[in-house]
Amino acid sequence: MCWYLRCAAVCAVFWSAACLSCADERAAVQATGLSQDGTWHPVTATLDGVDMSQSMRESTVLKLTGEQYSVTVNGTPDRGTCVVDRSVMPWRMKILGTVGPNQGKTLLAIFELTKEDRLRVCYDRAGGQDPEAFAAGAGSGRLLMEYRRELARGAELAGEVLGVPDSDALLLKATDGREHRIRLNGIDAPELQQPFGKESQALLQQLLRGRKLRVVTQGEDRAGQIIGDVFVRLEEGQDEKLLNVELVERGWAWHFVRFAKDNRQLSEAEQRARAGRLGLWAEAGPVSPWDFRRQQAEAAKSGEPGAKPGQ
């Protein structure tokens, strides 16, 4: 019994210290006066005691600018005003919808910045009173959300590769210990299920094995992937190369004109690969990934046996 009591006491001390550490960090962040303005992506969301689905979270983007807010959920816009009161604790928001499903409605909320890049908000959906705590139990009529701040365009990340889950994406462990999924900006490589998809992924794995990377961010997509220009030294003593261009120039990815129509580097790299019949261009009439995804989606919609929607 004595050893149990000693263990319990030690655990209590550690737990108390951890709680104080979290509280201290939260207080320190709030004391800095850091703005809540920015673009935010949900990490967790609980409505009346029920966790919202990943697909719903991934389809939601919140933007706060001064006293204006905009939310997009599955492409549906919701905009209005958001008046903040930081003179009380917890901080409060008064939200008035002017466009979209919340037009004419008033929502009350409390919020806090738990870290520099984390925002927690508890909404009272009835708009009757400010929530007293960050909780959204069953029947409460509350929505509790934690958001992650989107990195600004032009921000730089450095680190090492943890894996290559796709033919044009990688997992990066940054020098601060955080992990990010990076999608290469301006290119589209074959899907893994289509011809040359596995070969493209294998080349990316080969080029990145054991390498340190530098990523210049260009925003994020709806799924929270960072869109980035990825720089890497492929040989010791050489200058950095832009990996996005390298894959296109070797013939293992397309210039994704829809999202990078003015990128001359990528355009010229694809022209050289086509002319040299490199990589996938060795085959006559290769199907682009966007056409492949569209065909798969159409086949799935029509109910063809074995059809799967494109990724």
C-alpha atoms as a PDB file:
ATOM      1  CA  MET A   1       0.000   0.000   0.000  1.00  0.00           C
ATOM      2  CA  CYS A   2       2.884   2.363   0.818  1.00  0.00           C
ATOM      3  CA  TRP A   3       4.382   2.043  -2.666  1.00  0.00           C
ATOM      4  CA  TYR A   4       0.943   2.743  -4.182  1.00  0.00           C
ATOM      5  CA  LEU A   5       0.533   5.897  -2.100  1.00  0.00           C
ATOM      6  CA  ARG A   6       4.025   7.067  -3.023  1.00  0.00           C
ATOM      7  CA  CYS A   7       3.335   6.492  -6.750  1.00  0.00           C
ATOM      8  CA  ALA A   8       0.015   8.304  -6.488  1.00  0.00           C
ATOM      9  CA  ALA A   9       1.686  11.241  -4.778  1.00  0.00           C
ATOM     10  CA  VAL A  10       4.418  11.430  -7.432  1.00  0.00           C
ATOM     11  CA  CYS A  11       1.831  11.257 -10.230  1.00  0.00           C
ATOM     12  CA  ALA A  12      -0.195  14.011  -8.568  1.00  0.00           C
ATOM     13  CA  VAL A  13       2.875  16.241  -8.407  1.00  0.00           C
ATOM     14  CA  PHE A  14       3.717  15.644 -12.063  1.00  0.00           C
ATOM     15  CA  TRP A  15       0.095  16.180 -13.127  1.00  0.00           C
ATOM     16  CA  SER A  16      -0.125  19.416 -11.152  1.00  0.00           C
ATOM     17  CA  ALA A  17       3.142  20.618 -12.680  1.00  0.00           C
ATOM     18  CA  ALA A  18       1.905  19.762 -16.177  1.00  0.00           C
ATOM     19  CA  CYS A  19      -1.363  21.620 -15.587  1.00  0.00           C
ATOM     20  CA  LEU A  20       0.485  24.643 -14.239  1.00  0.00           C
ATOM     21  CA  SER A  21       2.855  24.528 -17.210  1.00  0.00           C
ATOM     22  CA  CYS A  22      -0.063  24.499 -19.693  1.00  0.00           C
ATOM     23  CA  ALA A  23      -1.836  27.259 -17.772  1.00  0.00           C
ATOM     24  CA  ASP A  24       1.360  29.317 -17.645  1.00  0.00           C
ATOM     25  CA  GLU A  25       1.902  28.877 -21.387  1.00  0.00           C
ATOM     26  CA  ARG A  26      -1.707  29.866 -22.107  1.00  0.00           C
ATOM     27  CA  ALA A  27      -1.434  32.926 -19.852  1.00  0.00           C
ATOM     28  CA  ALA A  28       1.871  33.909 -21.441  1.00  0.00           C
ATOM     29  CA  VAL A  29       0.413  33.668 -24.946  1.00  0.00           C
ATOM     30  CA  GLN A  30      -2.641  35.732 -23.990  1.00  0.00           C
ATOM     31  CA  ALA A  31      -0.461  38.333 -22.269  1.00  0.00           C
ATOM     32  CA  THR A  32       1.475  38.952 -25.496  1.00  0.00           C
ATOM     33  CA  GLY A  33      -1.585  40.553 -27.099  1.00  0.00           C
ATOM     34  CA  LEU A  34      -1.218  38.248 -30.100  1.00  0.00           C
ATOM     35  CA  SER A  35      -4.008  38.878 -32.593  1.00  0.00           C
ATOM     36  CA  GLN A  36      -6.648  36.322 -33.461  1.00  0.00           C
ATOM     37  CA  ASP A  37      -6.610  37.622 -37.046  1.00  0.00           C
ATOM     38  CA  GLY A  38      -5.619  35.040 -39.620  1.00  0.00           C
ATOM     39  CA  THR A  39      -6.770  31.934 -41.437  1.00  0.00           C
ATOM     40  CA  TRP A  40      -7.707  29.024 -39.194  1.00  0.00           C
ATOM     41  CA  HIS A  41      -8.343  25.303 -39.804  1.00  0.00           C
ATOM     42  CA  PRO A  42     -10.287  23.136 -37.316  1.00  0.00           C
ATOM     43  CA  VAL A  43      -8.299  20.501 -35.434  1.00  0.00           C
ATOM     44  CA  THR A  44     -11.135  19.302 -33.194  1.00  0.00           C
ATOM     45  CA  ALA A  45     -14.851  20.118 -33.098  1.00  0.00           C
ATOM     46  CA  THR A  46     -17.566  18.976 -30.675  1.00  0.00           C
ATOM     47  CA  LEU A  47     -21.241  19.850 -31.045  1.00  0.00           C
ATOM     48  CA  ASP A  48     -23.599  18.966 -28.174  1.00  0.00           C
ATOM     49  CA  GLY A  49     -21.207  16.260 -26.972  1.00  0.00           C
ATOM     50  CA  VAL A  50     -20.688  14.707 -30.418  1.00  0.00           C
ATOM     51  CA  ASP A  51     -17.377  14.962 -32.254  1.00  0.00           C
ATOM     52  CA  MET A  52     -17.739  16.289 -35.787  1.00  0.00           C
ATOM     53  CA  SER A  53     -16.387  14.187 -38.646  1.00  0.00           C
ATOM     54  CA  GLN A  54     -12.953  14.644 -40.154  1.00  0.00           C
ATOM     55  CA  SER A  55     -14.479  15.409 -43.560  1.00  0.00           C
ATOM     56  CA  MET A  56     -16.536  18.222 -42.026  1.00  0.00           C
ATOM     57  CA  ARG A  57     -13.483  19.649 -40.259  1.00  0.00           C
ATOM     58  CA  GLU A  58     -11.361  19.460 -43.397  1.00  0.00           C
ATOM     59  CA  SER A  59     -14.004  21.296 -45.418  1.00  0.00           C
ATOM     60  CA  THR A  60     -14.120  24.215 -42.958  1.00  0.00           C
ATOM     61  CA  VAL A  61     -11.931  27.326 -43.107  1.00  0.00           C
ATOM     62  CA  LEU A  62     -12.295  30.340 -40.790  1.00  0.00           C
ATOM     63  CA  LYS A  63     -10.855  33.769 -41.594  1.00  0.00           C
ATOM     64  CA  LEU A  64     -10.769  36.609 -39.065  1.00  0.00           C
ATOM     65  CA  THR A  65      -9.825  40.141 -40.122  1.00  0.00           C
ATOM     66  CA  GLY A  66     -10.444  42.992 -37.719  1.00  0.00           C
ATOM     67  CA  GLU A  67     -14.178  42.911 -36.956  1.00  0.00           C
ATOM     68  CA  GLN A  68     -15.029  40.756 -39.970  1.00  0.00           C
ATOM     69  CA  TYR A  69     -15.271  36.984 -40.178  1.00  0.00           C
ATOM     70  CA  SER A  70     -15.833  34.531 -42.998  1.00  0.00           C
ATOM     71  CA  VAL A  71     -16.338  30.791 -42.769  1.00  0.00           C
ATOM     72  CA  THR A  72     -16.493  28.352 -45.650  1.00  0.00           C
ATOM     73  CA  VAL A  73     -18.024  24.912 -45.034  1.00  0.00           C
ATOM     74  CA  ASN A  74     -18.107  22.550 -48.004  1.00  0.00           C
ATOM     75  CA  GLY A  75     -17.898  25.585 -50.284  1.00  0.00           C
ATOM     76  CA  THR A  76     -20.825  27.401 -48.638  1.00  0.00           C
ATOM     77  CA  PRO A  77     -19.861  30.915 -47.461  1.00  0.00           C
ATOM     78  CA  ASP A  78     -20.902  32.399 -44.136  1.00  0.00           C
ATOM     79  CA  ARG A  79     -19.806  35.998 -43.450  1.00  0.00           C
ATOM     80  CA  GLY A  80     -20.498  38.767 -40.987  1.00  0.00           C
ATOM     81  CA  THR A  81     -19.101  40.832 -38.137  1.00  0.00           C
ATOM     82  CA  CYS A  82     -17.212  39.622 -35.107  1.00  0.00           C
ATOM     83  CA  VAL A  83     -16.777  42.085 -32.244  1.00  0.00           C
ATOM     84  CA  VAL A  84     -14.162  41.045 -29.686  1.00  0.00           C
ATOM     85  CA  ASP A  85     -13.985  41.985 -25.989  1.00  0.00           C
ATOM     86  CA  ARG A  86     -10.614  41.274 -24.346  1.00  0.00           C
ATOM     87  CA  SER A  87     -11.363  43.300 -21.207  1.00  0.00           C
ATOM     88  CA  VAL A  88     -12.896  40.250 -19.510  1.00  0.00           C
ATOM     89  CA  MET A  89     -11.736  36.676 -19.002  1.00  0.00           C
ATOM     90  CA  PRO A  90     -12.334  34.516 -20.852  1.00  0.00           C
ATOM     91  CA  TRP A  91     -12.284  36.758 -23.921  1.00  0.00           C
ATOM     92  CA  ARG A  92     -15.623  37.158 -25.676  1.00  0.00           C
ATOM     93  CA  MET A  93     -16.945  37.383 -29.226  1.00  0.00           C
ATOM     94  CA  LYS A  94     -20.262  38.715 -30.457  1.00  0.00           C
ATOM     95  CA  ILE A  95     -20.923  37.342 -33.931  1.00  0.00           C
ATOM     96  CA  LEU A  96     -23.565  38.690 -36.315  1.00  0.00           C
ATOM     97  CA  GLY A  97     -24.140  36.844 -39.566  1.00  0.00           C
ATOM     98  CA  THR A  98     -24.820  38.997 -42.627  1.00  0.00           C
ATOM     99  CA  VAL A  99     -24.385  36.508 -45.499  1.00  0.00           C
ATOM    100  CA  GLY A 100     -25.078  32.789 -45.630  1.00  0.00           C
ATOM    101  CA  PRO A 101     -26.852  30.305 -43.361  1.00  0.00           C
ATOM    102  CA  ASN A 102     -26.379  32.501 -40.250  1.00  0.00           C
ATOM    103  CA  GLN A 103     -27.687  35.691 -41.866  1.00  0.00           C
ATOM    104  CA  GLY A 104     -29.560  37.754 -39.258  1.00  0.00           C
ATOM    105  CA  LYS A 105     -28.462  35.515 -36.388  1.00  0.00           C
ATOM    106  CA  THR A 106     -26.375  36.512 -33.370  1.00  0.00           C
ATOM    107  CA  LEU A 107     -23.984  34.030 -31.798  1.00  0.00           C
ATOM    108  CA  LEU A 108     -22.094  34.578 -28.538  1.00  0.00           C
ATOM    109  CA  ALA A 109     -18.768  32.919 -27.860  1.00  0.00           C
ATOM    110  CA  ILE A 110     -15.728  32.841 -25.614  1.00  0.00           C
ATOM    111  CA  PHE A 111     -12.243  32.290 -26.997  1.00  0.00           C
ATOM    112  CA  GLU A 112      -8.585  31.992 -26.083  1.00  0.00           C
ATOM    113  CA  LEU A 113      -5.239  31.566 -27.789  1.00  0.00           C
ATOM    114  CA  THR A 114      -3.801  28.484 -26.106  1.00  0.00           C
ATOM    115  CA  LYS A 115      -0.607  28.746 -28.166  1.00  0.00           C
ATOM    116  CA  GLU A 116       0.632  31.141 -30.799  1.00  0.00           C
ATOM    117  CA  ASP A 117      -0.935  28.982 -33.510  1.00  0.00           C
ATOM    118  CA  ARG A 118      -3.909  27.537 -31.607  1.00  0.00           C
ATOM    119  CA  LEU A 119      -7.303  29.187 -31.146  1.00  0.00           C
ATOM    120  CA  ARG A 120     -10.072  27.682 -28.994  1.00  0.00           C
ATOM    121  CA  VAL A 121     -13.637  28.948 -29.329  1.00  0.00           C
ATOM    122  CA  CYS A 122     -16.826  27.876 -27.556  1.00  0.00           C
ATOM    123  CA  TYR A 123     -19.984  29.094 -29.321  1.00  0.00           C
ATOM    124  CA  ASP A 124     -23.458  29.405 -27.843  1.00  0.00           C
ATOM    125  CA  ARG A 125     -25.515  28.643 -30.944  1.00  0.00           C
ATOM    126  CA  ALA A 126     -28.727  30.093 -29.500  1.00  0.00           C
ATOM    127  CA  GLY A 127     -27.021  33.436 -28.906  1.00  0.00           C
ATOM    128  CA  GLY A 128     -28.647  33.728 -25.493  1.00  0.00           C
ATOM    129  CA  GLN A 129     -25.608  34.091 -23.251  1.00  0.00           C
ATOM    130  CA  ASP A 130     -21.841  33.832 -23.240  1.00  0.00           C
ATOM    131  CA  PRO A 131     -20.623  30.333 -22.405  1.00  0.00           C
ATOM    132  CA  GLU A 132     -19.068  30.100 -18.944  1.00  0.00           C
ATOM    133  CA  ALA A 133     -16.542  27.399 -19.832  1.00  0.00           C
ATOM    134  CA  PHE A 134     -14.907  25.740 -22.805  1.00  0.00           C
ATOM    135  CA  ALA A 135     -17.264  22.770 -22.909  1.00  0.00           C
ATOM    136  CA  ALA A 136     -19.943  21.461 -25.259  1.00  0.00           C
ATOM    137  CA  GLY A 137     -21.707  18.624 -23.489  1.00  0.00           C
ATOM    138  CA  ALA A 138     -24.827  16.842 -24.692  1.00  0.00           C
ATOM    139  CA  GLY A 139     -27.848  19.129 -24.854  1.00  0.00           C
ATOM    140  CA  SER A 140     -25.801  22.257 -24.145  1.00  0.00           C
ATOM    141  CA  GLY A 141     -26.427  23.893 -27.508  1.00  0.00           C
ATOM    142  CA  ARG A 142     -22.704  24.646 -27.605  1.00  0.00           C
ATOM    143  CA  LEU A 143     -20.066  24.137 -30.264  1.00  0.00           C
ATOM    144  CA  LEU A 144     -16.452  23.823 -29.075  1.00  0.00           C
ATOM    145  CA  MET A 145     -13.718  24.121 -31.693  1.00  0.00           C
ATOM    146  CA  GLU A 146      -9.958  24.233 -31.634  1.00  0.00           C
ATOM    147  CA  TYR A 147      -8.299  25.746 -34.693  1.00  0.00           C
ATOM    148  CA  ARG A 148      -4.786  25.726 -36.089  1.00  0.00           C
ATOM    149  CA  ARG A 149      -3.438  28.937 -37.608  1.00  0.00           C
ATOM    150  CA  GLU A 150      -2.456  28.637 -41.254  1.00  0.00           C
ATOM    151  CA  LEU A 151       1.157  29.488 -42.007  1.00  0.00           C
ATOM    152  CA  ALA A 152       1.575  32.749 -43.879  1.00  0.00           C
ATOM    153  CA  ARG A 153       2.633  32.619 -47.513  1.00  0.00           C
ATOM    154  CA  GLY A 154       6.385  32.873 -47.814  1.00  0.00           C
ATOM    155  CA  ALA A 155       7.072  31.317 -44.410  1.00  0.00           C
ATOM    156  CA  GLU A 156      10.001  28.891 -44.377  1.00  0.00           C
ATOM    157  CA  LEU A 157      10.211  25.434 -42.852  1.00  0.00           C
ATOM    158  CA  ALA A 158      13.357  23.313 -42.604  1.00  0.00           C
ATOM    159  CA  GLY A 159      13.715  19.718 -41.571  1.00  0.00           C
ATOM    160  CA  GLU A 160      13.972  16.117 -42.665  1.00  0.00           C
ATOM    161  CA  VAL A 161      11.681  13.773 -44.574  1.00  0.00           C
ATOM    162  CA  LEU A 162       9.640  11.253 -42.602  1.00  0.00           C
ATOM    163  CA  GLY A 163       7.956   9.656 -45.613  1.00  0.00           C
ATOM    164  CA  VAL A 164       6.509   9.999 -49.091  1.00  0.00           C
ATOM    165  CA  PRO A 165       2.800   9.091 -48.899  1.00  0.00           C
ATOM    166  CA  ASP A 166       1.978  10.175 -52.459  1.00  0.00           C
ATOM    167  CA  SER A 167       3.614  10.916 -55.793  1.00  0.00           C
ATOM    168  CA  ASP A 168       3.640  14.676 -55.193  1.00  0.00           C
ATOM    169  CA  ALA A 169       3.526  14.949 -51.387  1.00  0.00           C
ATOM    170  CA  LEU A 170       5.884  14.342 -48.472  1.00  0.00           C
ATOM    171  CA  LEU A 171       5.873  14.293 -44.690  1.00  0.00           C
ATOM    172  CA  LEU A 172       8.285  16.758 -43.108  1.00  0.00           C
ATOM    173  CA  LYS A 173       9.571  16.792 -39.548  1.00  0.00           C
ATOM    174  CA  ALA A 174      10.530  20.409 -38.993  1.00  0.00           C
ATOM    175  CA  THR A 175      13.416  21.524 -36.807  1.00  0.00           C
ATOM    176  CA  ASP A 176      10.929  22.558 -34.090  1.00  0.00           C
ATOM    177  CA  GLY A 177       9.687  18.953 -33.910  1.00  0.00           C
ATOM    178  CA  ARG A 178       6.350  19.554 -35.604  1.00  0.00           C
ATOM    179  CA  GLU A 179       5.235  17.364 -38.471  1.00  0.00           C
ATOM    180  CA  HIS A 180       3.705  18.708 -41.679  1.00  0.00           C
ATOM    181  CA  ARG A 181       2.319  17.177 -44.840  1.00  0.00           C
ATOM    182  CA  ILE A 182       3.692  19.121 -47.821  1.00  0.00           C
ATOM    183  CA  ARG A 183       2.150  19.071 -51.287  1.00  0.00           C
ATOM    184  CA  LEU A 184       4.495  20.273 -54.012  1.00  0.00           C
ATOM    185  CA  ASN A 185       3.309  23.583 -55.405  1.00  0.00           C
ATOM    186  CA  GLY A 186       2.319  23.929 -59.045  1.00  0.00           C
ATOM    187  CA  ILE A 187       2.687  20.294 -60.091  1.00  0.00           C
ATOM    188  CA  ASP A 188       0.447  17.245 -60.348  1.00  0.00           C
ATOM    189  CA  ALA A 189       1.981  13.788 -60.478  1.00  0.00           C
ATOM    190  CA  PRO A 190       0.159  10.600 -61.557  1.00  0.00           C
ATOM    191  CA  GLU A 191      -2.169   9.128 -58.962  1.00  0.00           C
ATOM    192  CA  LEU A 192      -0.809   5.954 -57.369  1.00  0.00           C
ATOM    193  CA  GLN A 193      -3.594   3.921 -59.033  1.00  0.00           C
ATOM    194  CA  GLN A 194      -2.766   5.079 -62.567  1.00  0.00           C
ATOM    195  CA  PRO A 195       0.192   4.259 -64.839  1.00  0.00           C
ATOM    196  CA  PHE A 196       3.478   5.815 -63.674  1.00  0.00           C
ATOM    197  CA  GLY A 197       2.043   6.684 -60.254  1.00  0.00           C
ATOM    198  CA  LYS A 198       4.204   4.207 -58.336  1.00  0.00           C
ATOM    199  CA  GLU A 199       7.260   5.113 -60.439  1.00  0.00           C
ATOM    200  CA  SER A 200       6.770   8.796 -59.685  1.00  0.00           C
ATOM    201  CA  GLN A 201       6.463   8.085 -55.967  1.00  0.00           C
ATOM    202  CA  ALA A 202       9.591   5.895 -56.071  1.00  0.00           C
ATOM    203  CA  LEU A 203      11.602   8.665 -57.725  1.00  0.00           C
ATOM    204  CA  LEU A 204      10.487  11.149 -55.085  1.00  0.00           C
ATOM    205  CA  GLN A 205      11.513   8.703 -52.352  1.00  0.00           C
ATOM    206  CA  GLN A 206      14.885   8.203 -54.006  1.00  0.00           C
ATOM    207  CA  LEU A 207      15.581  11.918 -54.376  1.00  0.00           C
ATOM    208  CA  LEU A 208      14.630  12.684 -50.776  1.00  0.00           C
ATOM    209  CA  ARG A 209      16.181   9.772 -48.923  1.00  0.00           C
ATOM    210  CA  GLY A 210      18.348  11.115 -46.120  1.00  0.00           C
ATOM    211  CA  ARG A 211      18.063  14.721 -47.334  1.00  0.00           C
ATOM    212  CA  LYS A 212      17.443  17.921 -45.426  1.00  0.00           C
ATOM    213  CA  LEU A 213      14.799  20.174 -46.967  1.00  0.00           C
ATOM    214  CA  ARG A 214      13.820  23.805 -47.056  1.00  0.00           C
ATOM    215  CA  VAL A 215      10.163  24.569 -47.795  1.00  0.00           C
ATOM    216  CA  VAL A 216       8.776  27.961 -48.758  1.00  0.00           C
ATOM    217  CA  THR A 217       5.050  27.865 -48.066  1.00  0.00           C
ATOM    218  CA  GLN A 218       2.445  29.006 -50.597  1.00  0.00           C
ATOM    219  CA  GLY A 219      -0.676  28.497 -48.501  1.00  0.00           C
ATOM    220  CA  GLU A 220      -2.698  25.418 -47.614  1.00  0.00           C
ATOM    221  CA  ASP A 221      -5.398  23.363 -49.266  1.00  0.00           C
ATOM    222  CA  ARG A 222      -8.760  22.477 -47.714  1.00  0.00           C
ATOM    223  CA  ALA A 223      -7.344  19.282 -46.202  1.00  0.00           C
ATOM    224  CA  GLY A 224      -4.684  21.269 -44.334  1.00  0.00           C
ATOM    225  CA  GLN A 225      -1.782  20.202 -46.531  1.00  0.00           C
ATOM    226  CA  ILE A 226       0.853  22.908 -46.859  1.00  0.00           C
ATOM    227  CA  ILE A 227       1.414  23.875 -50.481  1.00  0.00           C
ATOM    228  CA  GLY A 228       5.122  24.483 -50.825  1.00  0.00           C
ATOM    229  CA  ASP A 229       8.142  25.078 -53.000  1.00  0.00           C
ATOM    230  CA  VAL A 230      10.623  22.438 -51.836  1.00  0.00           C
ATOM    231  CA  PHE A 231      14.360  23.079 -52.080  1.00  0.00           C
ATOM    232  CA  VAL A 232      16.925  20.297 -51.677  1.00  0.00           C
ATOM    233  CA  ARG A 233      20.617  19.657 -52.374  1.00  0.00           C
ATOM    234  CA  LEU A 234      20.608  16.488 -54.479  1.00  0.00           C
ATOM    235  CA  GLU A 235      24.407  16.233 -54.381  1.00  0.00           C
ATOM    236  CA  GLU A 236      26.880  17.386 -51.758  1.00  0.00           C
ATOM    237  CA  GLY A 237      28.496  20.682 -52.676  1.00  0.00           C
ATOM    238  CA  GLN A 238      25.806  21.556 -55.220  1.00  0.00           C
ATOM    239  CA  ASP A 239      23.372  24.426 -55.021  1.00  0.00           C
ATOM    240  CA  GLU A 240      19.817  23.768 -53.914  1.00  0.00           C
ATOM    241  CA  LYS A 241      17.388  22.609 -56.581  1.00  0.00           C
ATOM    242  CA  LEU A 242      13.669  23.275 -56.685  1.00  0.00           C
ATOM    243  CA  LEU A 243      12.213  19.789 -56.366  1.00  0.00           C
ATOM    244  CA  ASN A 244       8.918  20.820 -57.972  1.00  0.00           C
ATOM    245  CA  VAL A 245      10.728  21.711 -61.216  1.00  0.00           C
ATOM    246  CA  GLU A 246      13.033  18.678 -60.984  1.00  0.00           C
ATOM    247  CA  LEU A 247      10.124  16.196 -61.032  1.00  0.00           C
ATOM    248  CA  VAL A 248       8.494  17.900 -64.018  1.00  0.00           C
ATOM    249  CA  GLU A 249      11.796  18.149 -65.899  1.00  0.00           C
ATOM    250  CA  ARG A 250      12.474  14.443 -65.435  1.00  0.00           C
ATOM    251  CA  GLY A 251       9.050  13.667 -66.860  1.00  0.00           C
ATOM    252  CA  TRP A 252       7.321  12.355 -63.738  1.00  0.00           C
ATOM    253  CA  ALA A 253       4.811  15.139 -63.137  1.00  0.00           C
ATOM    254  CA  TRP A 254       2.718  17.684 -65.034  1.00  0.00           C
ATOM    255  CA  HIS A 255       2.825  21.438 -64.708  1.00  0.00           C
ATOM    256  CA  PHE A 256      -0.475  22.038 -62.863  1.00  0.00           C
ATOM    257  CA  VAL A 257      -1.534  24.998 -64.992  1.00  0.00           C
ATOM    258  CA  ARG A 258      -4.838  25.463 -63.169  1.00  0.00           C
ATOM    259  CA  PHE A 259      -3.023  26.542 -60.008  1.00  0.00           C
ATOM    260  CA  ALA A 260       0.265  27.873 -61.425  1.00  0.00           C
ATOM    261  CA  LYS A 261      -0.509  29.175 -64.898  1.00  0.00           C
ATOM    262  CA  ASP A 262       2.150  31.903 -64.762  1.00  0.00           C
ATOM    263  CA  ASN A 263       4.967  29.639 -63.536  1.00  0.00           C
ATOM    264  CA  ARG A 264       7.420  29.819 -66.422  1.00  0.00           C
ATOM    265  CA  GLN A 265       9.929  27.434 -64.805  1.00  0.00           C
ATOM    266  CA  LEU A 266       7.380  24.638 -64.661  1.00  0.00           C
ATOM    267  CA  SER A 267       6.038  25.366 -68.137  1.00  0.00           C
ATOM    268  CA  GLU A 268       9.491  25.201 -69.717  1.00  0.00           C
ATOM    269  CA  ALA A 269      10.436  22.104 -67.704  1.00  0.00           C
ATOM    270  CA  GLU A 270       7.393  20.242 -69.036  1.00  0.00           C
ATOM    271  CA  GLN A 271       8.175  21.308 -72.599  1.00  0.00           C
ATOM    272  CA  ARG A 272      11.710  19.891 -72.274  1.00  0.00           C
ATOM    273  CA  ALA A 273      10.419  16.617 -70.809  1.00  0.00           C
ATOM    274  CA  ARG A 274       7.854  16.235 -73.584  1.00  0.00           C
ATOM    275  CA  ALA A 275      10.454  16.970 -76.277  1.00  0.00           C
ATOM    276  CA  GLY A 276      12.856  14.417 -74.804  1.00  0.00           C
ATOM    277  CA  ARG A 277      10.108  11.821 -74.244  1.00  0.00           C
ATOM    278  CA  LEU A 278      11.259  11.487 -70.655  1.00  0.00           C
ATOM    279  CA  GLY A 279       9.485   9.543 -67.938  1.00  0.00           C
ATOM    280  CA  LEU A 280       5.740   9.254 -68.546  1.00  0.00           C
ATOM    281  CA  TRP A 281       6.101  11.149 -71.851  1.00  0.00           C
ATOM    282  CA  ALA A 282       7.669   7.993 -73.315  1.00  0.00           C
ATOM    283  CA  GLU A 283       4.091   6.730 -73.593  1.00  0.00           C
ATOM    284  CA  ALA A 284       1.794   8.160 -76.264  1.00  0.00           C
ATOM    285  CA  GLY A 285      -1.054  10.224 -74.803  1.00  0.00           C
ATOM    286  CA  PRO A 286      -0.558   9.794 -71.041  1.00  0.00           C
ATOM    287  CA  VAL A 287      -3.666  10.663 -69.033  1.00  0.00           C
ATOM    288  CA  SER A 288      -3.242  13.659 -66.753  1.00  0.00           C
ATOM    289  CA  PRO A 289      -4.014  13.135 -63.033  1.00  0.00           C
ATOM    290  CA  TRP A 290      -6.878  15.664 -63.089  1.00  0.00           C
ATOM    291  CA  ASP A 291      -8.513  13.820 -66.008  1.00  0.00           C
ATOM    292  CA  PHE A 292      -7.945  10.513 -64.232  1.00  0.00           C
ATOM    293  CA  ARG A 293      -9.623  11.822 -61.054  1.00  0.00           C
ATOM    294  CA  ARG A 294     -12.546  13.197 -63.061  1.00  0.00           C
ATOM    295  CA  GLN A 295     -13.008   9.872 -64.879  1.00  0.00           C
ATOM    296  CA  GLN A 296     -12.898   7.962 -61.591  1.00  0.00           C
ATOM    297  CA  ALA A 297     -15.432  10.310 -59.993  1.00  0.00           C
ATOM    298  CA  GLU A 298     -17.780  10.003 -62.978  1.00  0.00           C
ATOM    299  CA  ALA A 299     -17.460   6.216 -62.951  1.00  0.00           C
ATOM    300  CA  ALA A 300     -18.209   6.075 -59.232  1.00  0.00           C
ATOM    301  CA  LYS A 301     -21.211   8.369 -59.670  1.00  0.00           C
ATOM    302  CA  SER A 302     -22.601   6.187 -62.431  1.00  0.00           C
ATOM    303  CA  GLY A 303     -22.216   3.121 -60.221  1.00  0.00           C
ATOM    304  CA  GLU A 304     -19.806   1.203 -62.427  1.00  0.00           C
ATOM    305  CA  PRO A 305     -18.582  -1.954 -60.643  1.00  0.00           C
ATOM    306  CA  GLY A 306     -15.239  -1.503 -58.885  1.00  0.00           C
ATOM    307  CA  ALA A 307     -15.108   2.217 -59.510  1.00  0.00           C
ATOM    308  CA  LYS A 308     -13.493   4.383 -56.864  1.00  0.00           C
ATOM    309  CA  PRO A 309     -13.610   8.165 -56.635  1.00  0.00           C
ATOM    310  CA  GLY A 310     -10.333   9.922 -57.395  1.00  0.00           C
ATOM    311  CA  GLN A 311      -8.228  11.206 -54.539  1.00  0.00           C
END
